[in-house]
Amino acid sequence: MMRVFDDATRRNITEACAAFARLPEAATPPALKRAAVALALTEDGESNDTAFLLTLRASHLRAHRGQWALPGGRCDAGETPVEAALRELDEELGLRLTGADVLGTLDDYPTRSGYLITPVVVWAPDSAAIRPNPDEVASVHRIALATIERDDAFDFAVIPESSRRVIRFHHRMSLIHAPTAALIYQFREVLAGRHTRVTDLEQPVFAWK
């Protein structure tokens, strides 16, 4: 279902996020570092649908180079996940947003690489302001919400190294795995009014470090 990028869509997504029963936030385990990503909603210029921004990480980065990711990163000392997500949007894509643009947050997701990621849903109306930082971002892509609502957008696989299912998001000719796929999947479920948990969804072995 297409969602036109307008005030009515913003209200609907805000209400869906508010109705979502987020898991209670527990103290961060000592082994995990706090991080945040932004599910930044903007207009898909081709379809007029609401879309979220997905980046391809620069090939020269030390960690997770060349992988698909939501804009985000580690929280600085004393920084909240919302503050971190907004800062990373500015640093990676040149988008300067404020707390007034935040629509909600989803469940924290613990990663195999030692992070506890908070997904922050934000409204980014000025898509013309997007300026990818080449030090961090190879390219930025708009993914229409109608894309993630297709029945064949996600699948689940099993691996011998874990009893948990690996989630995969099909994007063009690529397979995008957790944590990114898990966070996008939960957002899709929130839009549909379903309180679906994703912390039990596994990452592929290459993302464990």
N, C-alpha and C. Protein backbone atom coordinates (compact mmCIF):
# COMPACT_ATOMS: atom_id res chain seq x y z
N MET A 1 0.84 -1.20 0.00
CA MET A 1 0.00 0.00 0.00
C MET A 1 0.87 1.24 0.00
N MET A 2 0.67 2.12 -0.96
CA MET A 2 1.47 3.34 -1.03
C MET A 2 1.03 4.32 0.05
N ARG A 3 2.01 4.98 0.67
CA ARG A 3 1.74 6.02 1.65
C ARG A 3 2.32 7.32 1.11
N VAL A 4 1.48 8.22 0.68
CA VAL A 4 1.94 9.50 0.15
C VAL A 4 2.69 10.24 1.25
N PHE A 5 3.77 10.89 0.89
CA PHE A 5 4.58 11.61 1.87
C PHE A 5 3.92 12.94 2.19
N ASP A 6 3.06 12.91 3.21
CA ASP A 6 2.33 14.12 3.59
C ASP A 6 2.06 14.11 5.09
N ASP A 7 1.39 15.13 5.58
CA ASP A 7 1.14 15.26 7.01
C ASP A 7 0.28 14.12 7.55
N ALA A 8 -0.66 13.64 6.73
CA ALA A 8 -1.51 12.54 7.19
C ALA A 8 -0.69 11.28 7.41
N THR A 9 0.26 11.01 6.52
CA THR A 9 1.12 9.84 6.69
C THR A 9 1.99 9.99 7.93
N ARG A 10 2.50 11.20 8.12
CA ARG A 10 3.31 11.44 9.33
C ARG A 10 2.49 11.15 10.58
N ARG A 11 1.27 11.63 10.63
CA ARG A 11 0.41 11.38 11.80
C ARG A 11 0.16 9.89 11.98
N ASN A 12 -0.12 9.19 10.90
CA ASN A 12 -0.40 7.76 10.99
C ASN A 12 0.81 6.97 11.51
N ILE A 13 1.99 7.32 11.02
CA ILE A 13 3.20 6.61 11.47
C ILE A 13 3.52 6.96 12.92
N THR A 14 3.31 8.22 13.29
CA THR A 14 3.51 8.62 14.68
C THR A 14 2.58 7.83 15.60
N GLU A 15 1.33 7.69 15.20
CA GLU A 15 0.36 6.94 16.01
C GLU A 15 0.73 5.47 16.08
N ALA A 16 1.22 4.90 14.98
CA ALA A 16 1.63 3.50 14.98
C ALA A 16 2.81 3.29 15.92
N CYS A 17 3.76 4.21 15.92
CA CYS A 17 4.91 4.10 16.83
C CYS A 17 4.47 4.26 18.28
N ALA A 18 3.54 5.17 18.54
CA ALA A 18 3.06 5.39 19.91
C ALA A 18 2.30 4.18 20.43
N ALA A 19 1.61 3.46 19.53
CA ALA A 19 0.84 2.29 19.94
C ALA A 19 1.71 1.06 20.13
N PHE A 20 2.94 1.11 19.63
CA PHE A 20 3.84 -0.03 19.73
C PHE A 20 4.35 -0.17 21.16
N ALA A 21 4.18 -1.36 21.73
CA ALA A 21 4.62 -1.62 23.10
C ALA A 21 6.09 -2.01 23.09
N ARG A 22 6.95 -1.02 23.16
CA ARG A 22 8.39 -1.25 23.13
C ARG A 22 8.82 -2.05 24.35
N LEU A 23 9.76 -2.99 24.16
CA LEU A 23 10.26 -3.76 25.29
C LEU A 23 10.87 -2.82 26.32
N PRO A 24 10.66 -3.10 27.60
CA PRO A 24 11.24 -2.23 28.64
C PRO A 24 12.75 -2.14 28.48
N GLU A 25 13.27 -0.95 28.66
CA GLU A 25 14.71 -0.75 28.51
C GLU A 25 15.41 -1.20 29.78
N ALA A 26 16.29 -2.17 29.65
CA ALA A 26 17.06 -2.67 30.80
C ALA A 26 18.43 -2.01 30.78
N ALA A 27 19.15 -2.17 31.88
CA ALA A 27 20.51 -1.67 31.93
C ALA A 27 21.35 -2.36 30.86
N THR A 28 22.19 -1.59 30.19
CA THR A 28 23.01 -2.15 29.13
C THR A 28 24.03 -3.12 29.72
N PRO A 29 24.06 -4.37 29.25
CA PRO A 29 25.08 -5.30 29.74
C PRO A 29 26.48 -4.74 29.52
N PRO A 30 27.41 -4.98 30.43
CA PRO A 30 28.75 -4.41 30.32
C PRO A 30 29.43 -4.73 28.99
N ALA A 31 29.10 -5.88 28.41
CA ALA A 31 29.77 -6.29 27.17
C ALA A 31 29.24 -5.56 25.94
N LEU A 32 28.14 -4.83 26.09
CA LEU A 32 27.52 -4.17 24.94
C LEU A 32 27.71 -2.65 25.01
N LYS A 33 27.94 -2.04 23.87
CA LYS A 33 28.07 -0.60 23.75
C LYS A 33 26.80 -0.04 23.14
N ARG A 34 26.34 1.11 23.61
CA ARG A 34 25.10 1.69 23.09
C ARG A 34 25.35 2.29 21.71
N ALA A 35 24.37 2.08 20.83
CA ALA A 35 24.41 2.63 19.48
C ALA A 35 22.99 2.96 19.06
N ALA A 36 22.87 3.71 18.00
CA ALA A 36 21.54 4.09 17.49
C ALA A 36 21.59 4.19 15.98
N VAL A 37 20.45 3.90 15.36
CA VAL A 37 20.31 4.10 13.91
C VAL A 37 19.03 4.89 13.66
N ALA A 38 18.98 5.52 12.51
CA ALA A 38 17.80 6.30 12.14
C ALA A 38 17.05 5.62 11.01
N LEU A 39 15.77 5.40 11.24
CA LEU A 39 14.85 5.06 10.16
C LEU A 39 14.28 6.39 9.69
N ALA A 40 15.01 7.01 8.76
CA ALA A 40 14.69 8.37 8.33
C ALA A 40 13.72 8.32 7.16
N LEU A 41 12.54 8.87 7.36
CA LEU A 41 11.47 8.82 6.36
C LEU A 41 11.48 10.08 5.52
N THR A 42 11.45 9.89 4.21
CA THR A 42 11.46 11.00 3.28
C THR A 42 10.62 10.61 2.07
N GLU A 43 10.62 11.45 1.06
CA GLU A 43 9.80 11.17 -0.12
C GLU A 43 10.59 10.40 -1.17
N ASP A 44 9.96 9.37 -1.72
CA ASP A 44 10.52 8.66 -2.86
C ASP A 44 10.12 9.45 -4.11
N GLY A 45 11.08 10.13 -4.72
CA GLY A 45 10.78 11.02 -5.83
C GLY A 45 10.12 10.35 -7.01
N GLU A 46 10.33 9.06 -7.18
CA GLU A 46 9.77 8.36 -8.34
C GLU A 46 8.29 8.02 -8.17
N SER A 47 7.90 7.62 -6.95
CA SER A 47 6.55 7.12 -6.75
C SER A 47 5.66 8.02 -5.89
N ASN A 48 6.25 9.05 -5.26
CA ASN A 48 5.54 9.90 -4.30
C ASN A 48 5.18 9.15 -3.03
N ASP A 49 5.69 7.92 -2.92
CA ASP A 49 5.49 7.12 -1.71
C ASP A 49 6.45 7.63 -0.63
N THR A 50 6.11 7.37 0.63
CA THR A 50 7.05 7.60 1.72
C THR A 50 8.12 6.52 1.67
N ALA A 51 9.37 6.90 1.86
CA ALA A 51 10.48 5.97 1.80
C ALA A 51 11.39 6.17 3.00
N PHE A 52 12.22 5.17 3.30
CA PHE A 52 13.26 5.35 4.31
C PHE A 52 14.61 5.31 3.62
N LEU A 53 15.61 5.88 4.28
CA LEU A 53 16.93 6.01 3.69
C LEU A 53 17.83 4.84 4.11
N LEU A 54 18.43 4.22 3.13
CA LEU A 54 19.37 3.11 3.35
C LEU A 54 20.69 3.49 2.70
N THR A 55 21.78 3.25 3.41
CA THR A 55 23.09 3.62 2.87
C THR A 55 23.92 2.38 2.56
N LEU A 56 24.84 2.57 1.65
CA LEU A 56 25.88 1.58 1.40
C LEU A 56 27.15 2.15 1.99
N ARG A 57 27.72 1.43 2.97
CA ARG A 57 28.88 1.94 3.68
C ARG A 57 30.10 2.01 2.76
N ALA A 58 30.94 3.00 2.99
CA ALA A 58 32.13 3.19 2.17
C ALA A 58 33.05 1.97 2.25
N SER A 59 33.73 1.70 1.16
CA SER A 59 34.56 0.49 1.06
C SER A 59 35.84 0.58 1.87
N HIS A 60 36.23 1.78 2.31
CA HIS A 60 37.49 1.93 3.04
C HIS A 60 37.29 1.93 4.57
N LEU A 61 36.06 1.79 5.04
CA LEU A 61 35.82 1.79 6.48
C LEU A 61 36.44 0.56 7.14
N ARG A 62 36.82 0.71 8.39
CA ARG A 62 37.47 -0.39 9.10
C ARG A 62 36.50 -1.52 9.40
N ALA A 63 35.26 -1.19 9.78
CA ALA A 63 34.28 -2.21 10.17
C ALA A 63 33.09 -2.20 9.21
N HIS A 64 32.63 -3.39 8.84
CA HIS A 64 31.43 -3.55 8.02
C HIS A 64 31.49 -2.73 6.73
N ARG A 65 32.65 -2.69 6.14
CA ARG A 65 32.83 -1.93 4.89
C ARG A 65 31.99 -2.53 3.76
N GLY A 66 31.43 -1.65 2.94
CA GLY A 66 30.67 -2.08 1.78
C GLY A 66 29.35 -2.74 2.07
N GLN A 67 28.87 -2.65 3.32
CA GLN A 67 27.61 -3.29 3.67
C GLN A 67 26.46 -2.27 3.66
N TRP A 68 25.25 -2.80 3.47
CA TRP A 68 24.05 -1.96 3.57
C TRP A 68 23.77 -1.66 5.04
N ALA A 69 23.34 -0.43 5.32
CA ALA A 69 23.10 -0.06 6.72
C ALA A 69 22.14 1.12 6.79
N LEU A 70 21.47 1.24 7.91
CA LEU A 70 20.73 2.44 8.24
C LEU A 70 21.72 3.46 8.79
N PRO A 71 21.51 4.76 8.56
CA PRO A 71 22.43 5.75 9.12
C PRO A 71 22.49 5.61 10.64
N GLY A 72 23.69 5.61 11.19
CA GLY A 72 23.80 5.47 12.63
C GLY A 72 25.20 5.13 13.08
N GLY A 73 25.33 4.92 14.38
CA GLY A 73 26.63 4.60 14.93
C GLY A 73 26.60 4.57 16.44
N ARG A 74 27.77 4.52 17.02
CA ARG A 74 27.92 4.40 18.47
C ARG A 74 27.52 5.70 19.17
N CYS A 75 26.90 5.58 20.33
CA CYS A 75 26.55 6.74 21.14
C CYS A 75 27.81 7.30 21.79
N ASP A 76 27.97 8.61 21.73
CA ASP A 76 29.06 9.26 22.44
C ASP A 76 28.76 9.26 23.94
N ALA A 77 29.76 9.52 24.74
CA ALA A 77 29.60 9.57 26.20
C ALA A 77 28.53 10.61 26.57
N GLY A 78 27.56 10.19 27.38
CA GLY A 78 26.52 11.09 27.84
C GLY A 78 25.44 11.38 26.81
N GLU A 79 25.49 10.71 25.68
CA GLU A 79 24.54 10.96 24.60
C GLU A 79 23.41 9.94 24.63
N THR A 80 22.18 10.38 24.43
CA THR A 80 21.06 9.46 24.35
C THR A 80 21.01 8.84 22.96
N PRO A 81 20.32 7.70 22.80
CA PRO A 81 20.19 7.12 21.45
C PRO A 81 19.54 8.07 20.45
N VAL A 82 18.54 8.84 20.88
CA VAL A 82 17.91 9.79 19.96
C VAL A 82 18.91 10.84 19.52
N GLU A 83 19.68 11.37 20.46
CA GLU A 83 20.70 12.36 20.11
C GLU A 83 21.73 11.77 19.16
N ALA A 84 22.12 10.52 19.41
CA ALA A 84 23.12 9.87 18.56
C ALA A 84 22.59 9.67 17.14
N ALA A 85 21.34 9.23 17.03
CA ALA A 85 20.75 9.01 15.70
C ALA A 85 20.69 10.31 14.91
N LEU A 86 20.30 11.40 15.56
CA LEU A 86 20.22 12.69 14.88
C LEU A 86 21.61 13.18 14.48
N ARG A 87 22.58 13.00 15.36
CA ARG A 87 23.95 13.42 15.03
C ARG A 87 24.49 12.63 13.85
N GLU A 88 24.26 11.32 13.85
CA GLU A 88 24.77 10.48 12.76
C GLU A 88 24.11 10.83 11.43
N LEU A 89 22.83 11.18 11.45
CA LEU A 89 22.17 11.62 10.22
C LEU A 89 22.85 12.86 9.65
N ASP A 90 23.23 13.76 10.52
CA ASP A 90 23.93 14.97 10.09
C ASP A 90 25.31 14.61 9.54
N GLU A 91 26.05 13.78 10.28
CA GLU A 91 27.41 13.45 9.89
C GLU A 91 27.47 12.62 8.61
N GLU A 92 26.54 11.70 8.44
CA GLU A 92 26.58 10.80 7.28
C GLU A 92 25.89 11.38 6.05
N LEU A 93 24.75 12.08 6.27
CA LEU A 93 23.93 12.50 5.14
C LEU A 93 23.67 14.00 5.06
N GLY A 94 24.19 14.75 6.02
CA GLY A 94 23.98 16.19 6.00
C GLY A 94 22.59 16.62 6.38
N LEU A 95 21.82 15.73 7.01
CA LEU A 95 20.45 16.06 7.42
C LEU A 95 20.46 16.55 8.87
N ARG A 96 20.09 17.79 9.06
CA ARG A 96 20.06 18.36 10.41
C ARG A 96 18.62 18.40 10.90
N LEU A 97 18.29 17.43 11.73
CA LEU A 97 16.94 17.31 12.28
C LEU A 97 16.98 17.53 13.78
N THR A 98 15.81 17.69 14.38
CA THR A 98 15.71 17.93 15.82
C THR A 98 14.78 16.90 16.47
N GLY A 99 14.66 16.99 17.76
CA GLY A 99 13.77 16.10 18.49
C GLY A 99 12.33 16.21 18.03
N ALA A 100 11.96 17.36 17.48
CA ALA A 100 10.58 17.54 16.98
C ALA A 100 10.31 16.66 15.77
N ASP A 101 11.37 16.17 15.12
CA ASP A 101 11.21 15.32 13.94
C ASP A 101 11.16 13.83 14.29
N VAL A 102 11.35 13.49 15.56
CA VAL A 102 11.36 12.09 15.99
C VAL A 102 9.93 11.60 16.16
N LEU A 103 9.61 10.48 15.50
CA LEU A 103 8.25 9.92 15.57
C LEU A 103 8.12 8.80 16.59
N GLY A 104 9.24 8.18 16.96
CA GLY A 104 9.18 7.10 17.94
C GLY A 104 10.45 6.26 17.91
N THR A 105 10.50 5.27 18.79
CA THR A 105 11.64 4.34 18.84
C THR A 105 11.11 2.91 18.87
N LEU A 106 11.92 1.99 18.36
CA LEU A 106 11.56 0.58 18.34
C LEU A 106 12.40 -0.16 19.38
N ASP A 107 12.31 -1.49 19.40
CA ASP A 107 13.04 -2.29 20.38
C ASP A 107 14.54 -2.20 20.18
N ASP A 108 15.28 -2.19 21.29
CA ASP A 108 16.73 -2.31 21.21
C ASP A 108 17.10 -3.67 20.66
N TYR A 109 18.14 -3.71 19.83
CA TYR A 109 18.58 -4.97 19.22
C TYR A 109 20.04 -5.22 19.60
N PRO A 110 20.32 -6.34 20.32
CA PRO A 110 21.71 -6.67 20.68
C PRO A 110 22.40 -7.38 19.51
N THR A 111 23.58 -6.91 19.15
CA THR A 111 24.28 -7.49 18.02
C THR A 111 25.40 -8.42 18.48
N ARG A 112 25.77 -9.31 17.59
CA ARG A 112 26.88 -10.23 17.85
C ARG A 112 28.21 -9.50 17.94
N SER A 113 28.29 -8.31 17.36
CA SER A 113 29.54 -7.57 17.37
C SER A 113 29.69 -6.67 18.59
N GLY A 114 28.73 -6.76 19.53
CA GLY A 114 28.91 -6.09 20.81
C GLY A 114 28.18 -4.77 21.00
N TYR A 115 27.11 -4.54 20.24
CA TYR A 115 26.37 -3.29 20.36
C TYR A 115 24.91 -3.55 20.72
N LEU A 116 24.31 -2.58 21.39
CA LEU A 116 22.87 -2.57 21.64
C LEU A 116 22.31 -1.39 20.86
N ILE A 117 21.61 -1.70 19.77
CA ILE A 117 21.18 -0.67 18.83
C ILE A 117 19.73 -0.24 19.10
N THR A 118 19.52 1.06 19.22
CA THR A 118 18.17 1.62 19.33
C THR A 118 17.76 2.21 17.99
N PRO A 119 16.69 1.71 17.36
CA PRO A 119 16.19 2.31 16.11
C PRO A 119 15.30 3.52 16.43
N VAL A 120 15.60 4.64 15.80
CA VAL A 120 14.86 5.88 16.02
C VAL A 120 14.17 6.26 14.70
N VAL A 121 12.85 6.37 14.73
CA VAL A 121 12.08 6.73 13.53
C VAL A 121 11.98 8.24 13.46
N VAL A 122 12.43 8.82 12.36
CA VAL A 122 12.42 10.28 12.22
C VAL A 122 11.81 10.69 10.88
N TRP A 123 11.28 11.89 10.84
CA TRP A 123 10.66 12.46 9.65
C TRP A 123 11.64 13.46 9.04
N ALA A 124 12.02 13.22 7.80
CA ALA A 124 13.04 14.05 7.13
C ALA A 124 12.45 14.68 5.88
N PRO A 125 11.75 15.79 6.01
CA PRO A 125 11.02 16.34 4.87
C PRO A 125 11.89 16.93 3.78
N ASP A 126 13.08 17.43 4.13
CA ASP A 126 13.91 18.12 3.14
C ASP A 126 14.91 17.16 2.51
N SER A 127 14.41 16.31 1.62
CA SER A 127 15.28 15.31 1.00
C SER A 127 16.32 15.95 0.09
N ALA A 128 16.07 17.18 -0.36
CA ALA A 128 17.05 17.86 -1.21
C ALA A 128 18.32 18.19 -0.44
N ALA A 129 18.23 18.17 0.89
CA ALA A 129 19.39 18.51 1.72
C ALA A 129 20.35 17.33 1.89
N ILE A 130 19.99 16.16 1.41
CA ILE A 130 20.83 14.97 1.60
C ILE A 130 22.14 15.13 0.84
N ARG A 131 23.24 15.08 1.59
CA ARG A 131 24.58 15.17 1.01
C ARG A 131 25.44 14.07 1.65
N PRO A 132 25.52 12.89 1.01
CA PRO A 132 26.29 11.78 1.60
C PRO A 132 27.74 12.17 1.86
N ASN A 133 28.23 11.83 3.03
CA ASN A 133 29.62 12.07 3.41
C ASN A 133 30.47 10.95 2.83
N PRO A 134 31.36 11.22 1.86
CA PRO A 134 32.12 10.15 1.22
C PRO A 134 33.07 9.42 2.17
N ASP A 135 33.38 10.04 3.31
CA ASP A 135 34.23 9.35 4.28
C ASP A 135 33.52 8.16 4.92
N GLU A 136 32.17 8.17 4.88
CA GLU A 136 31.41 7.12 5.53
C GLU A 136 30.43 6.40 4.60
N VAL A 137 29.93 7.11 3.59
CA VAL A 137 28.83 6.59 2.77
C VAL A 137 29.22 6.54 1.30
N ALA A 138 29.08 5.35 0.71
CA ALA A 138 29.34 5.22 -0.73
C ALA A 138 28.15 5.70 -1.54
N SER A 139 26.93 5.41 -1.06
CA SER A 139 25.71 5.84 -1.76
C SER A 139 24.54 5.78 -0.80
N VAL A 140 23.48 6.52 -1.12
CA VAL A 140 22.27 6.53 -0.30
C VAL A 140 21.09 6.21 -1.19
N HIS A 141 20.14 5.43 -0.66
CA HIS A 141 19.03 4.93 -1.46
C HIS A 141 17.71 5.15 -0.71
N ARG A 142 16.67 5.47 -1.48
CA ARG A 142 15.32 5.61 -0.91
C ARG A 142 14.57 4.31 -1.15
N ILE A 143 14.09 3.70 -0.06
CA ILE A 143 13.35 2.44 -0.14
C ILE A 143 11.89 2.72 0.19
N ALA A 144 11.02 2.65 -0.80
CA ALA A 144 9.60 2.94 -0.58
C ALA A 144 9.00 1.97 0.43
N LEU A 145 8.12 2.47 1.28
CA LEU A 145 7.50 1.60 2.29
C LEU A 145 6.72 0.47 1.64
N ALA A 146 6.16 0.72 0.46
CA ALA A 146 5.44 -0.35 -0.23
C ALA A 146 6.36 -1.53 -0.53
N THR A 147 7.66 -1.27 -0.68
CA THR A 147 8.62 -2.32 -0.97
C THR A 147 8.72 -3.31 0.18
N ILE A 148 8.80 -2.82 1.40
CA ILE A 148 8.99 -3.72 2.55
C ILE A 148 7.69 -4.39 2.97
N GLU A 149 6.57 -3.95 2.42
CA GLU A 149 5.30 -4.57 2.76
C GLU A 149 4.95 -5.74 1.84
N ARG A 150 5.75 -5.98 0.81
CA ARG A 150 5.51 -7.12 -0.07
C ARG A 150 5.73 -8.43 0.69
N ASP A 151 4.98 -9.45 0.30
CA ASP A 151 5.10 -10.75 0.95
C ASP A 151 6.49 -11.37 0.77
N ASP A 152 7.14 -11.04 -0.35
CA ASP A 152 8.43 -11.64 -0.64
C ASP A 152 9.61 -10.73 -0.27
N ALA A 153 9.36 -9.68 0.52
CA ALA A 153 10.44 -8.75 0.87
C ALA A 153 11.44 -9.37 1.84
N PHE A 154 10.98 -10.27 2.69
CA PHE A 154 11.84 -10.88 3.71
C PHE A 154 11.74 -12.40 3.63
N ASP A 155 12.82 -13.05 3.99
CA ASP A 155 12.74 -14.50 4.22
C ASP A 155 13.64 -14.85 5.40
N PHE A 156 13.58 -16.11 5.79
CA PHE A 156 14.31 -16.58 6.96
C PHE A 156 15.10 -17.83 6.59
N ALA A 157 16.33 -17.89 7.04
CA ALA A 157 17.20 -19.01 6.73
C ALA A 157 17.74 -19.60 8.03
N VAL A 158 18.26 -20.81 7.95
CA VAL A 158 18.89 -21.45 9.10
C VAL A 158 20.37 -21.64 8.79
N ILE A 159 21.18 -21.56 9.84
CA ILE A 159 22.61 -21.77 9.69
C ILE A 159 23.06 -22.79 10.74
N PRO A 160 24.11 -23.55 10.47
CA PRO A 160 24.54 -24.58 11.43
C PRO A 160 25.11 -24.00 12.72
N GLU A 161 25.53 -22.72 12.68
CA GLU A 161 26.17 -22.13 13.86
C GLU A 161 25.20 -21.64 14.92
N SER A 162 23.88 -21.65 14.64
CA SER A 162 22.92 -21.09 15.59
C SER A 162 21.57 -21.77 15.44
N SER A 163 20.83 -21.79 16.53
CA SER A 163 19.46 -22.33 16.50
C SER A 163 18.44 -21.25 16.14
N ARG A 164 18.91 -20.03 16.04
CA ARG A 164 18.03 -18.91 15.72
C ARG A 164 17.97 -18.69 14.21
N ARG A 165 16.83 -18.20 13.74
CA ARG A 165 16.64 -17.95 12.31
C ARG A 165 17.37 -16.68 11.88
N VAL A 166 17.96 -16.73 10.71
CA VAL A 166 18.59 -15.56 10.10
C VAL A 166 17.57 -14.88 9.21
N ILE A 167 17.32 -13.60 9.46
CA ILE A 167 16.39 -12.85 8.62
C ILE A 167 17.14 -12.17 7.49
N ARG A 168 16.50 -12.12 6.31
CA ARG A 168 17.12 -11.50 5.15
C ARG A 168 16.09 -10.62 4.43
N PHE A 169 16.51 -9.43 4.08
CA PHE A 169 15.69 -8.49 3.32
C PHE A 169 16.20 -8.46 1.88
N HIS A 170 15.31 -8.70 0.94
CA HIS A 170 15.66 -8.72 -0.48
C HIS A 170 15.58 -7.30 -1.03
N HIS A 171 16.73 -6.76 -1.40
CA HIS A 171 16.79 -5.41 -1.97
C HIS A 171 17.53 -5.48 -3.29
N ARG A 172 16.80 -5.27 -4.37
CA ARG A 172 17.36 -5.38 -5.71
C ARG A 172 18.02 -6.75 -5.85
N MET A 173 19.32 -6.79 -6.12
CA MET A 173 20.00 -8.08 -6.27
C MET A 173 20.77 -8.46 -5.02
N SER A 174 20.51 -7.77 -3.93
CA SER A 174 21.26 -8.00 -2.69
C SER A 174 20.38 -8.63 -1.62
N LEU A 175 21.05 -9.33 -0.70
CA LEU A 175 20.41 -9.81 0.52
C LEU A 175 20.97 -9.00 1.68
N ILE A 176 20.09 -8.31 2.39
CA ILE A 176 20.50 -7.52 3.54
C ILE A 176 20.11 -8.29 4.79
N HIS A 177 21.07 -8.48 5.69
CA HIS A 177 20.86 -9.31 6.87
C HIS A 177 20.67 -8.46 8.12
N ALA A 178 20.43 -9.14 9.24
CA ALA A 178 20.35 -8.46 10.54
C ALA A 178 21.76 -7.96 10.90
N PRO A 179 21.85 -6.86 11.68
CA PRO A 179 20.74 -6.21 12.35
C PRO A 179 19.85 -5.34 11.46
N THR A 180 20.39 -4.84 10.34
CA THR A 180 19.61 -3.91 9.51
C THR A 180 18.28 -4.52 9.09
N ALA A 181 18.30 -5.75 8.60
CA ALA A 181 17.06 -6.39 8.14
C ALA A 181 16.07 -6.57 9.28
N ALA A 182 16.55 -6.91 10.46
CA ALA A 182 15.66 -7.11 11.61
C ALA A 182 14.96 -5.81 11.99
N LEU A 183 15.69 -4.70 11.97
CA LEU A 183 15.11 -3.42 12.35
C LEU A 183 14.09 -2.95 11.33
N ILE A 184 14.40 -3.15 10.05
CA ILE A 184 13.44 -2.79 9.00
C ILE A 184 12.19 -3.66 9.10
N TYR A 185 12.39 -4.93 9.38
CA TYR A 185 11.25 -5.85 9.51
C TYR A 185 10.33 -5.43 10.66
N GLN A 186 10.92 -5.08 11.80
CA GLN A 186 10.08 -4.66 12.91
C GLN A 186 9.32 -3.39 12.57
N PHE A 187 9.97 -2.47 11.86
CA PHE A 187 9.27 -1.25 11.45
C PHE A 187 8.10 -1.59 10.54
N ARG A 188 8.30 -2.52 9.62
CA ARG A 188 7.21 -2.97 8.76
C ARG A 188 6.04 -3.50 9.60
N GLU A 189 6.36 -4.28 10.62
CA GLU A 189 5.33 -4.85 11.47
C GLU A 189 4.62 -3.78 12.29
N VAL A 190 5.36 -2.79 12.76
CA VAL A 190 4.76 -1.68 13.51
C VAL A 190 3.76 -0.93 12.63
N LEU A 191 4.13 -0.70 11.38
CA LEU A 191 3.21 -0.02 10.46
C LEU A 191 1.91 -0.79 10.27
N ALA A 192 2.00 -2.12 10.39
CA ALA A 192 0.82 -2.98 10.23
C ALA A 192 0.08 -3.18 11.55
N GLY A 193 0.56 -2.57 12.62
CA GLY A 193 -0.10 -2.70 13.91
C GLY A 193 0.21 -3.98 14.65
N ARG A 194 1.31 -4.63 14.27
CA ARG A 194 1.70 -5.89 14.92
C ARG A 194 2.90 -5.66 15.83
N HIS A 195 2.82 -6.20 17.04
CA HIS A 195 3.90 -6.05 18.01
C HIS A 195 4.85 -7.25 17.89
N THR A 196 5.61 -7.27 16.83
CA THR A 196 6.49 -8.39 16.52
C THR A 196 7.89 -8.12 17.07
N ARG A 197 8.43 -9.08 17.81
CA ARG A 197 9.77 -8.95 18.38
C ARG A 197 10.81 -9.48 17.40
N VAL A 198 12.01 -8.89 17.44
CA VAL A 198 13.05 -9.29 16.50
C VAL A 198 14.38 -9.61 17.18
N THR A 199 14.44 -9.49 18.50
CA THR A 199 15.71 -9.73 19.18
C THR A 199 16.17 -11.18 19.07
N ASP A 200 15.25 -12.08 18.73
CA ASP A 200 15.63 -13.49 18.58
C ASP A 200 16.06 -13.81 17.15
N LEU A 201 16.06 -12.84 16.26
CA LEU A 201 16.47 -13.07 14.89
C LEU A 201 17.98 -12.96 14.77
N GLU A 202 18.58 -13.92 14.09
CA GLU A 202 20.03 -14.08 14.06
C GLU A 202 20.67 -13.26 12.95
N GLN A 203 21.96 -13.00 13.14
CA GLN A 203 22.80 -12.39 12.13
C GLN A 203 23.64 -13.47 11.46
N PRO A 204 24.07 -13.23 10.21
CA PRO A 204 24.98 -14.18 9.58
C PRO A 204 26.33 -14.18 10.26
N VAL A 205 27.07 -15.25 10.12
CA VAL A 205 28.34 -15.40 10.84
C VAL A 205 29.32 -14.29 10.50
N PHE A 206 29.32 -13.78 9.27
CA PHE A 206 30.28 -12.75 8.91
C PHE A 206 30.07 -11.46 9.68
N ALA A 207 28.87 -11.28 10.28
CA ALA A 207 28.58 -10.06 11.04
C ALA A 207 28.81 -10.24 12.54
N TRP A 208 29.35 -11.40 12.96
CA TRP A 208 29.53 -11.66 14.37
C TRP A 208 30.74 -10.92 14.96
N LYS A 209 31.56 -10.31 14.11
CA LYS A 209 32.76 -9.63 14.62
C LYS A 209 32.67 -8.13 14.37
